[in-house]
Amino acid sequence: MFHFVTKGGNPLRKWLKDKRESIGLTHEEVAAESGIQRAYYTMIENGTRNPSVEVSKKIANVIGFSWTIFFENKSN
């Protein structure tokens, strides 16, 4: 369902970027509506940081997906 692309050894969350762009939001807008810093959101989308459950729920609410996707097993 969701694809992970490796970027420098980290899983780029392409699904998150695609979902965000499909609703026309910028990193800054998602971050502001989620109550987090833009840089932190960017790291989450790039796969260099993993969000807490609380932050996952906030981002999911803003963008419109199930927050649990951040915690699903990425192996085949």
PDB file of N, CA and C in Angstrom:
ATOM      1  N   MET A   1       0.825  -1.188   0.000  1.00  0.00           N
ATOM      2  CA  MET A   1       0.000   0.000   0.000  1.00  0.00           C
ATOM      3  C   MET A   1       0.873   1.256   0.000  1.00  0.00           C
ATOM      4  N   PHE A   2       1.736   1.427   0.984  1.00  0.00           N
ATOM      5  CA  PHE A   2       2.623   2.571   1.034  1.00  0.00           C
ATOM      6  C   PHE A   2       4.024   2.106   0.724  1.00  0.00           C
ATOM      7  N   HIS A   3       4.754   2.894  -0.041  1.00  0.00           N
ATOM      8  CA  HIS A   3       6.099   2.521  -0.443  1.00  0.00           C
ATOM      9  C   HIS A   3       7.128   3.365   0.283  1.00  0.00           C
ATOM     10  N   PHE A   4       8.218   2.711   0.638  1.00  0.00           N
ATOM     11  CA  PHE A   4       9.321   3.386   1.288  1.00  0.00           C
ATOM     12  C   PHE A   4      10.499   3.361   0.335  1.00  0.00           C
ATOM     13  N   VAL A   5      11.120   4.502   0.120  1.00  0.00           N
ATOM     14  CA  VAL A   5      12.270   4.626  -0.744  1.00  0.00           C
ATOM     15  C   VAL A   5      13.459   4.949   0.143  1.00  0.00           C
ATOM     16  N   THR A   6      14.583   4.295  -0.099  1.00  0.00           N
ATOM     17  CA  THR A   6      15.757   4.562   0.720  1.00  0.00           C
ATOM     18  C   THR A   6      16.462   5.806   0.227  1.00  0.00           C
ATOM     19  N   LYS A   7      16.771   6.689   1.170  1.00  0.00           N
ATOM     20  CA  LYS A   7      17.499   7.917   0.879  1.00  0.00           C
ATOM     21  C   LYS A   7      18.617   8.005   1.899  1.00  0.00           C
ATOM     22  N   GLY A   8      19.842   7.715   1.494  1.00  0.00           N
ATOM     23  CA  GLY A   8      20.958   7.748   2.419  1.00  0.00           C
ATOM     24  C   GLY A   8      20.806   6.754   3.554  1.00  0.00           C
ATOM     25  N   GLY A   9      20.196   5.605   3.270  1.00  0.00           N
ATOM     26  CA  GLY A   9      19.997   4.587   4.289  1.00  0.00           C
ATOM     27  C   GLY A   9      18.732   4.775   5.109  1.00  0.00           C
ATOM     28  N   ASN A  10      18.031   5.897   4.934  1.00  0.00           N
ATOM     29  CA  ASN A  10      16.800   6.163   5.672  1.00  0.00           C
ATOM     30  C   ASN A  10      15.598   5.992   4.761  1.00  0.00           C
ATOM     31  N   PRO A  11      14.486   5.502   5.310  1.00  0.00           N
ATOM     32  CA  PRO A  11      13.292   5.317   4.479  1.00  0.00           C
ATOM     33  C   PRO A  11      12.574   6.644   4.221  1.00  0.00           C
ATOM     34  N   LEU A  12      12.660   7.120   3.010  1.00  0.00           N
ATOM     35  CA  LEU A  12      11.919   8.312   2.613  1.00  0.00           C
ATOM     36  C   LEU A  12      10.442   7.956   2.598  1.00  0.00           C
ATOM     37  N   ARG A  13       9.639   8.740   3.285  1.00  0.00           N
ATOM     38  CA  ARG A  13       8.203   8.464   3.341  1.00  0.00           C
ATOM     39  C   ARG A  13       7.512   9.115   2.145  1.00  0.00           C
ATOM     40  N   LYS A  14       7.706   8.486   0.974  1.00  0.00           N
ATOM     41  CA  LYS A  14       7.134   9.021  -0.264  1.00  0.00           C
ATOM     42  C   LYS A  14       5.619   9.109  -0.158  1.00  0.00           C
ATOM     43  N   TRP A  15       5.002   8.145   0.490  1.00  0.00           N
ATOM     44  CA  TRP A  15       3.550   8.159   0.653  1.00  0.00           C
ATOM     45  C   TRP A  15       3.102   9.411   1.403  1.00  0.00           C
ATOM     46  N   LEU A  16       3.882   9.850   2.388  1.00  0.00           N
ATOM     47  CA  LEU A  16       3.531  11.026   3.171  1.00  0.00           C
ATOM     48  C   LEU A  16       3.663  12.291   2.317  1.00  0.00           C
ATOM     49  N   LYS A  17       4.741  12.366   1.565  1.00  0.00           N
ATOM     50  CA  LYS A  17       4.941  13.499   0.662  1.00  0.00           C
ATOM     51  C   LYS A  17       3.820  13.553  -0.371  1.00  0.00           C
ATOM     52  N   ASP A  18       3.522  12.413  -0.986  1.00  0.00           N
ATOM     53  CA  ASP A  18       2.474  12.361  -2.009  1.00  0.00           C
ATOM     54  C   ASP A  18       1.120  12.778  -1.434  1.00  0.00           C
ATOM     55  N   LYS A  19       0.808  12.287  -0.250  1.00  0.00           N
ATOM     56  CA  LYS A  19      -0.476  12.622   0.387  1.00  0.00           C
ATOM     57  C   LYS A  19      -0.538  14.115   0.697  1.00  0.00           C
ATOM     58  N   ARG A  20       0.547  14.659   1.266  1.00  0.00           N
ATOM     59  CA  ARG A  20       0.605  16.089   1.592  1.00  0.00           C
ATOM     60  C   ARG A  20       0.436  16.937   0.333  1.00  0.00           C
ATOM     61  N   GLU A  21       1.168  16.596  -0.720  1.00  0.00           N
ATOM     62  CA  GLU A  21       1.090  17.360  -1.961  1.00  0.00           C
ATOM     63  C   GLU A  21      -0.279  17.236  -2.623  1.00  0.00           C
ATOM     64  N   SER A  22      -0.926  16.084  -2.484  1.00  0.00           N
ATOM     65  CA  SER A  22      -2.234  15.878  -3.121  1.00  0.00           C
ATOM     66  C   SER A  22      -3.308  16.802  -2.544  1.00  0.00           C
ATOM     67  N   ILE A  23      -3.110  17.251  -1.301  1.00  0.00           N
ATOM     68  CA  ILE A  23      -4.079  18.184  -0.707  1.00  0.00           C
ATOM     69  C   ILE A  23      -3.560  19.619  -0.707  1.00  0.00           C
ATOM     70  N   GLY A  24      -2.408  19.814  -1.348  1.00  0.00           N
ATOM     71  CA  GLY A  24      -1.891  21.161  -1.568  1.00  0.00           C
ATOM     72  C   GLY A  24      -1.294  21.855  -0.357  1.00  0.00           C
ATOM     73  N   LEU A  25      -0.723  21.081   0.564  1.00  0.00           N
ATOM     74  CA  LEU A  25      -0.112  21.681   1.742  1.00  0.00           C
ATOM     75  C   LEU A  25       1.410  21.668   1.648  1.00  0.00           C
ATOM     76  N   THR A  26       2.030  22.665   2.245  1.00  0.00           N
ATOM     77  CA  THR A  26       3.487  22.731   2.335  1.00  0.00           C
ATOM     78  C   THR A  26       3.936  22.110   3.655  1.00  0.00           C
ATOM     79  N   HIS A  27       5.235  21.902   3.782  1.00  0.00           N
ATOM     80  CA  HIS A  27       5.791  21.431   5.059  1.00  0.00           C
ATOM     81  C   HIS A  27       5.398  22.395   6.173  1.00  0.00           C
ATOM     82  N   GLU A  28       5.534  23.681   5.911  1.00  0.00           N
ATOM     83  CA  GLU A  28       5.229  24.711   6.908  1.00  0.00           C
ATOM     84  C   GLU A  28       3.776  24.641   7.363  1.00  0.00           C
ATOM     85  N   GLU A  29       2.869  24.448   6.429  1.00  0.00           N
ATOM     86  CA  GLU A  29       1.444  24.390   6.770  1.00  0.00           C
ATOM     87  C   GLU A  29       1.111  23.153   7.608  1.00  0.00           C
ATOM     88  N   VAL A  30       1.649  22.011   7.228  1.00  0.00           N
ATOM     89  CA  VAL A  30       1.397  20.791   8.004  1.00  0.00           C
ATOM     90  C   VAL A  30       1.976  20.944   9.408  1.00  0.00           C
ATOM     91  N   ALA A  31       3.191  21.461   9.479  1.00  0.00           N
ATOM     92  CA  ALA A  31       3.839  21.649  10.777  1.00  0.00           C
ATOM     93  C   ALA A  31       3.033  22.594  11.659  1.00  0.00           C
ATOM     94  N   ALA A  32       2.627  23.721  11.118  1.00  0.00           N
ATOM     95  CA  ALA A  32       1.877  24.709  11.897  1.00  0.00           C
ATOM     96  C   ALA A  32       0.559  24.122  12.403  1.00  0.00           C
ATOM     97  N   GLU A  33      -0.164  23.427  11.534  1.00  0.00           N
ATOM     98  CA  GLU A  33      -1.442  22.848  11.927  1.00  0.00           C
ATOM     99  C   GLU A  33      -1.272  21.676  12.893  1.00  0.00           C
ATOM    100  N   SER A  34      -0.087  21.052  12.885  1.00  0.00           N
ATOM    101  CA  SER A  34       0.199  19.934  13.781  1.00  0.00           C
ATOM    102  C   SER A  34       0.822  20.391  15.096  1.00  0.00           C
ATOM    103  N   GLY A  35       1.218  21.658  15.148  1.00  0.00           N
ATOM    104  CA  GLY A  35       1.829  22.182  16.361  1.00  0.00           C
ATOM    105  C   GLY A  35       3.273  21.763  16.563  1.00  0.00           C
ATOM    106  N   ILE A  36       3.976  21.519  15.437  1.00  0.00           N
ATOM    107  CA  ILE A  36       5.391  21.143  15.506  1.00  0.00           C
ATOM    108  C   ILE A  36       6.210  22.079  14.622  1.00  0.00           C
ATOM    109  N   GLN A  37       7.523  22.017  14.762  1.00  0.00           N
ATOM    110  CA  GLN A  37       8.413  22.835  13.939  1.00  0.00           C
ATOM    111  C   GLN A  37       8.493  22.277  12.521  1.00  0.00           C
ATOM    112  N   ARG A  38       8.644  23.177  11.534  1.00  0.00           N
ATOM    113  CA  ARG A  38       8.754  22.750  10.145  1.00  0.00           C
ATOM    114  C   ARG A  38       9.931  21.800   9.948  1.00  0.00           C
ATOM    115  N   ALA A  39      11.061  22.100  10.566  1.00  0.00           N
ATOM    116  CA  ALA A  39      12.242  21.250  10.404  1.00  0.00           C
ATOM    117  C   ALA A  39      11.974  19.827  10.905  1.00  0.00           C
ATOM    118  N   TYR A  40      11.252  19.721  11.998  1.00  0.00           N
ATOM    119  CA  TYR A  40      10.917  18.404  12.546  1.00  0.00           C
ATOM    120  C   TYR A  40      10.000  17.652  11.588  1.00  0.00           C
ATOM    121  N   TYR A  41       8.992  18.340  11.042  1.00  0.00           N
ATOM    122  CA  TYR A  41       8.108  17.688  10.066  1.00  0.00           C
ATOM    123  C   TYR A  41       8.916  17.210   8.861  1.00  0.00           C
ATOM    124  N   THR A  42       9.820  18.051   8.376  1.00  0.00           N
ATOM    125  CA  THR A  42      10.641  17.686   7.216  1.00  0.00           C
ATOM    126  C   THR A  42      11.445  16.425   7.506  1.00  0.00           C
ATOM    127  N   MET A  43      12.007  16.319   8.706  1.00  0.00           N
ATOM    128  CA  MET A  43      12.766  15.121   9.074  1.00  0.00           C
ATOM    129  C   MET A  43      11.870  13.890   9.136  1.00  0.00           C
ATOM    130  N   ILE A  44      10.645  14.063   9.590  1.00  0.00           N
ATOM    131  CA  ILE A  44       9.696  12.942   9.621  1.00  0.00           C
ATOM    132  C   ILE A  44       9.397  12.486   8.198  1.00  0.00           C
ATOM    133  N   GLU A  45       9.104  13.434   7.318  1.00  0.00           N
ATOM    134  CA  GLU A  45       8.785  13.083   5.928  1.00  0.00           C
ATOM    135  C   GLU A  45       9.985  12.460   5.228  1.00  0.00           C
ATOM    136  N   ASN A  46      11.183  12.934   5.543  1.00  0.00           N
ATOM    137  CA  ASN A  46      12.397  12.388   4.928  1.00  0.00           C
ATOM    138  C   ASN A  46      12.826  11.056   5.523  1.00  0.00           C
ATOM    139  N   GLY A  47      12.214  10.670   6.638  1.00  0.00           N
ATOM    140  CA  GLY A  47      12.538   9.395   7.250  1.00  0.00           C
ATOM    141  C   GLY A  47      13.721   9.435   8.199  1.00  0.00           C
ATOM    142  N   THR A  48      14.221  10.632   8.516  1.00  0.00           N
ATOM    143  CA  THR A  48      15.348  10.722   9.440  1.00  0.00           C
ATOM    144  C   THR A  48      14.911  10.803  10.888  1.00  0.00           C
ATOM    145  N   ARG A  49      13.630  11.037  11.130  1.00  0.00           N
ATOM    146  CA  ARG A  49      13.062  11.049  12.483  1.00  0.00           C
ATOM    147  C   ARG A  49      11.748  10.295  12.465  1.00  0.00           C
ATOM    148  N   ASN A  50      11.452   9.640  13.565  1.00  0.00           N
ATOM    149  CA  ASN A  50      10.174   8.959  13.724  1.00  0.00           C
ATOM    150  C   ASN A  50       9.330   9.745  14.710  1.00  0.00           C
ATOM    151  N   PRO A  51       8.091  10.014  14.350  1.00  0.00           N
ATOM    152  CA  PRO A  51       7.241  10.795  15.250  1.00  0.00           C
ATOM    153  C   PRO A  51       6.729   9.964  16.424  1.00  0.00           C
ATOM    154  N   SER A  52       6.414  10.645  17.511  1.00  0.00           N
ATOM    155  CA  SER A  52       5.755   9.995  18.642  1.00  0.00           C
ATOM    156  C   SER A  52       4.317   9.678  18.239  1.00  0.00           C
ATOM    157  N   VAL A  53       3.640   8.916  19.050  1.00  0.00           N
ATOM    158  CA  VAL A  53       2.232   8.612  18.788  1.00  0.00           C
ATOM    159  C   VAL A  53       1.435   9.913  18.740  1.00  0.00           C
ATOM    160  N   GLU A  54       1.675  10.802  19.683  1.00  0.00           N
ATOM    161  CA  GLU A  54       0.947  12.074  19.735  1.00  0.00           C
ATOM    162  C   GLU A  54       1.150  12.891  18.459  1.00  0.00           C
ATOM    163  N   VAL A  55       2.383  13.008  18.008  1.00  0.00           N
ATOM    164  CA  VAL A  55       2.676  13.772  16.790  1.00  0.00           C
ATOM    165  C   VAL A  55       2.112  13.049  15.569  1.00  0.00           C
ATOM    166  N   SER A  56       2.206  11.726  15.545  1.00  0.00           N
ATOM    167  CA  SER A  56       1.642  10.951  14.430  1.00  0.00           C
ATOM    168  C   SER A  56       0.160  11.230  14.271  1.00  0.00           C
ATOM    169  N   LYS A  57      -0.550  11.266  15.398  1.00  0.00           N
ATOM    170  CA  LYS A  57      -1.988  11.531  15.359  1.00  0.00           C
ATOM    171  C   LYS A  57      -2.279  12.937  14.836  1.00  0.00           C
ATOM    172  N   LYS A  58      -1.478  13.910  15.237  1.00  0.00           N
ATOM    173  CA  LYS A  58      -1.687  15.284  14.786  1.00  0.00           C
ATOM    174  C   LYS A  58      -1.453  15.418  13.285  1.00  0.00           C
ATOM    175  N   ILE A  59      -0.354  14.842  12.796  1.00  0.00           N
ATOM    176  CA  ILE A  59      -0.057  14.901  11.361  1.00  0.00           C
ATOM    177  C   ILE A  59      -1.146  14.186  10.564  1.00  0.00           C
ATOM    178  N   ALA A  60      -1.533  13.010  11.022  1.00  0.00           N
ATOM    179  CA  ALA A  60      -2.564  12.230  10.333  1.00  0.00           C
ATOM    180  C   ALA A  60      -3.884  12.986  10.278  1.00  0.00           C
ATOM    181  N   ASN A  61      -4.207  13.688  11.334  1.00  0.00           N
ATOM    182  CA  ASN A  61      -5.439  14.471  11.376  1.00  0.00           C
ATOM    183  C   ASN A  61      -5.398  15.609  10.358  1.00  0.00           C
ATOM    184  N   VAL A  62      -4.257  16.253  10.224  1.00  0.00           N
ATOM    185  CA  VAL A  62      -4.110  17.363   9.284  1.00  0.00           C
ATOM    186  C   VAL A  62      -4.163  16.868   7.844  1.00  0.00           C
ATOM    187  N   ILE A  63      -3.438  15.797   7.563  1.00  0.00           N
ATOM    188  CA  ILE A  63      -3.311  15.323   6.177  1.00  0.00           C
ATOM    189  C   ILE A  63      -4.426  14.362   5.783  1.00  0.00           C
ATOM    190  N   GLY A  64      -4.928  13.579   6.740  1.00  0.00           N
ATOM    191  CA  GLY A  64      -6.039  12.684   6.441  1.00  0.00           C
ATOM    192  C   GLY A  64      -5.648  11.261   6.134  1.00  0.00           C
ATOM    193  N   PHE A  65      -5.057  10.575   7.101  1.00  0.00           N
ATOM    194  CA  PHE A  65      -4.741   9.161   6.964  1.00  0.00           C
ATOM    195  C   PHE A  65      -4.695   8.555   8.363  1.00  0.00           C
ATOM    196  N   SER A  66      -4.538   7.231   8.436  1.00  0.00           N
ATOM    197  CA  SER A  66      -4.466   6.550   9.721  1.00  0.00           C
ATOM    198  C   SER A  66      -3.074   6.729  10.320  1.00  0.00           C
ATOM    199  N   TRP A  67      -3.003   7.279  11.513  1.00  0.00           N
ATOM    200  CA  TRP A  67      -1.724   7.555  12.164  1.00  0.00           C
ATOM    201  C   TRP A  67      -0.890   6.303  12.385  1.00  0.00           C
ATOM    202  N   THR A  68      -1.520   5.141  12.409  1.00  0.00           N
ATOM    203  CA  THR A  68      -0.796   3.900  12.697  1.00  0.00           C
ATOM    204  C   THR A  68       0.182   3.509  11.596  1.00  0.00           C
ATOM    205  N   ILE A  69       0.041   4.088  10.405  1.00  0.00           N
ATOM    206  CA  ILE A  69       0.948   3.748   9.299  1.00  0.00           C
ATOM    207  C   ILE A  69       2.396   4.026   9.668  1.00  0.00           C
ATOM    208  N   PHE A  70       2.640   5.012  10.535  1.00  0.00           N
ATOM    209  CA  PHE A  70       4.018   5.301  10.944  1.00  0.00           C
ATOM    210  C   PHE A  70       4.650   4.139  11.693  1.00  0.00           C
ATOM    211  N   PHE A  71       3.836   3.261  12.257  1.00  0.00           N
ATOM    212  CA  PHE A  71       4.341   2.191  13.103  1.00  0.00           C
ATOM    213  C   PHE A  71       4.187   0.805  12.508  1.00  0.00           C
ATOM    214  N   GLU A  72       3.749   0.731  11.257  1.00  0.00           N
ATOM    215  CA  GLU A  72       3.609  -0.570  10.607  1.00  0.00           C
ATOM    216  C   GLU A  72       4.960  -1.105  10.207  1.00  0.00           C
ATOM    217  N   ASN A  73       5.067  -2.411  10.192  1.00  0.00           N
ATOM    218  CA  ASN A  73       6.311  -3.098   9.823  1.00  0.00           C
ATOM    219  C   ASN A  73       6.623  -2.814   8.362  1.00  0.00           C
ATOM    220  N   LYS A  74       7.851  -2.396   8.074  1.00  0.00           N
ATOM    221  CA  LYS A  74       8.251  -2.030   6.722  1.00  0.00           C
ATOM    222  C   LYS A  74       8.892  -3.177   5.953  1.00  0.00           C
ATOM    223  N   SER A  75       8.998  -4.336   6.559  1.00  0.00           N
ATOM    224  CA  SER A  75       9.643  -5.447   5.862  1.00  0.00           C
ATOM    225  C   SER A  75       8.660  -6.125   4.921  1.00  0.00           C
ATOM    226  N   ASN A  76       9.205  -6.905   4.005  1.00  0.00           N
ATOM    227  CA  ASN A  76       8.355  -7.602   3.031  1.00  0.00           C
ATOM    228  C   ASN A  76       7.745  -8.817   3.651  1.00  0.00           C
TER     229      ASN A  76
END
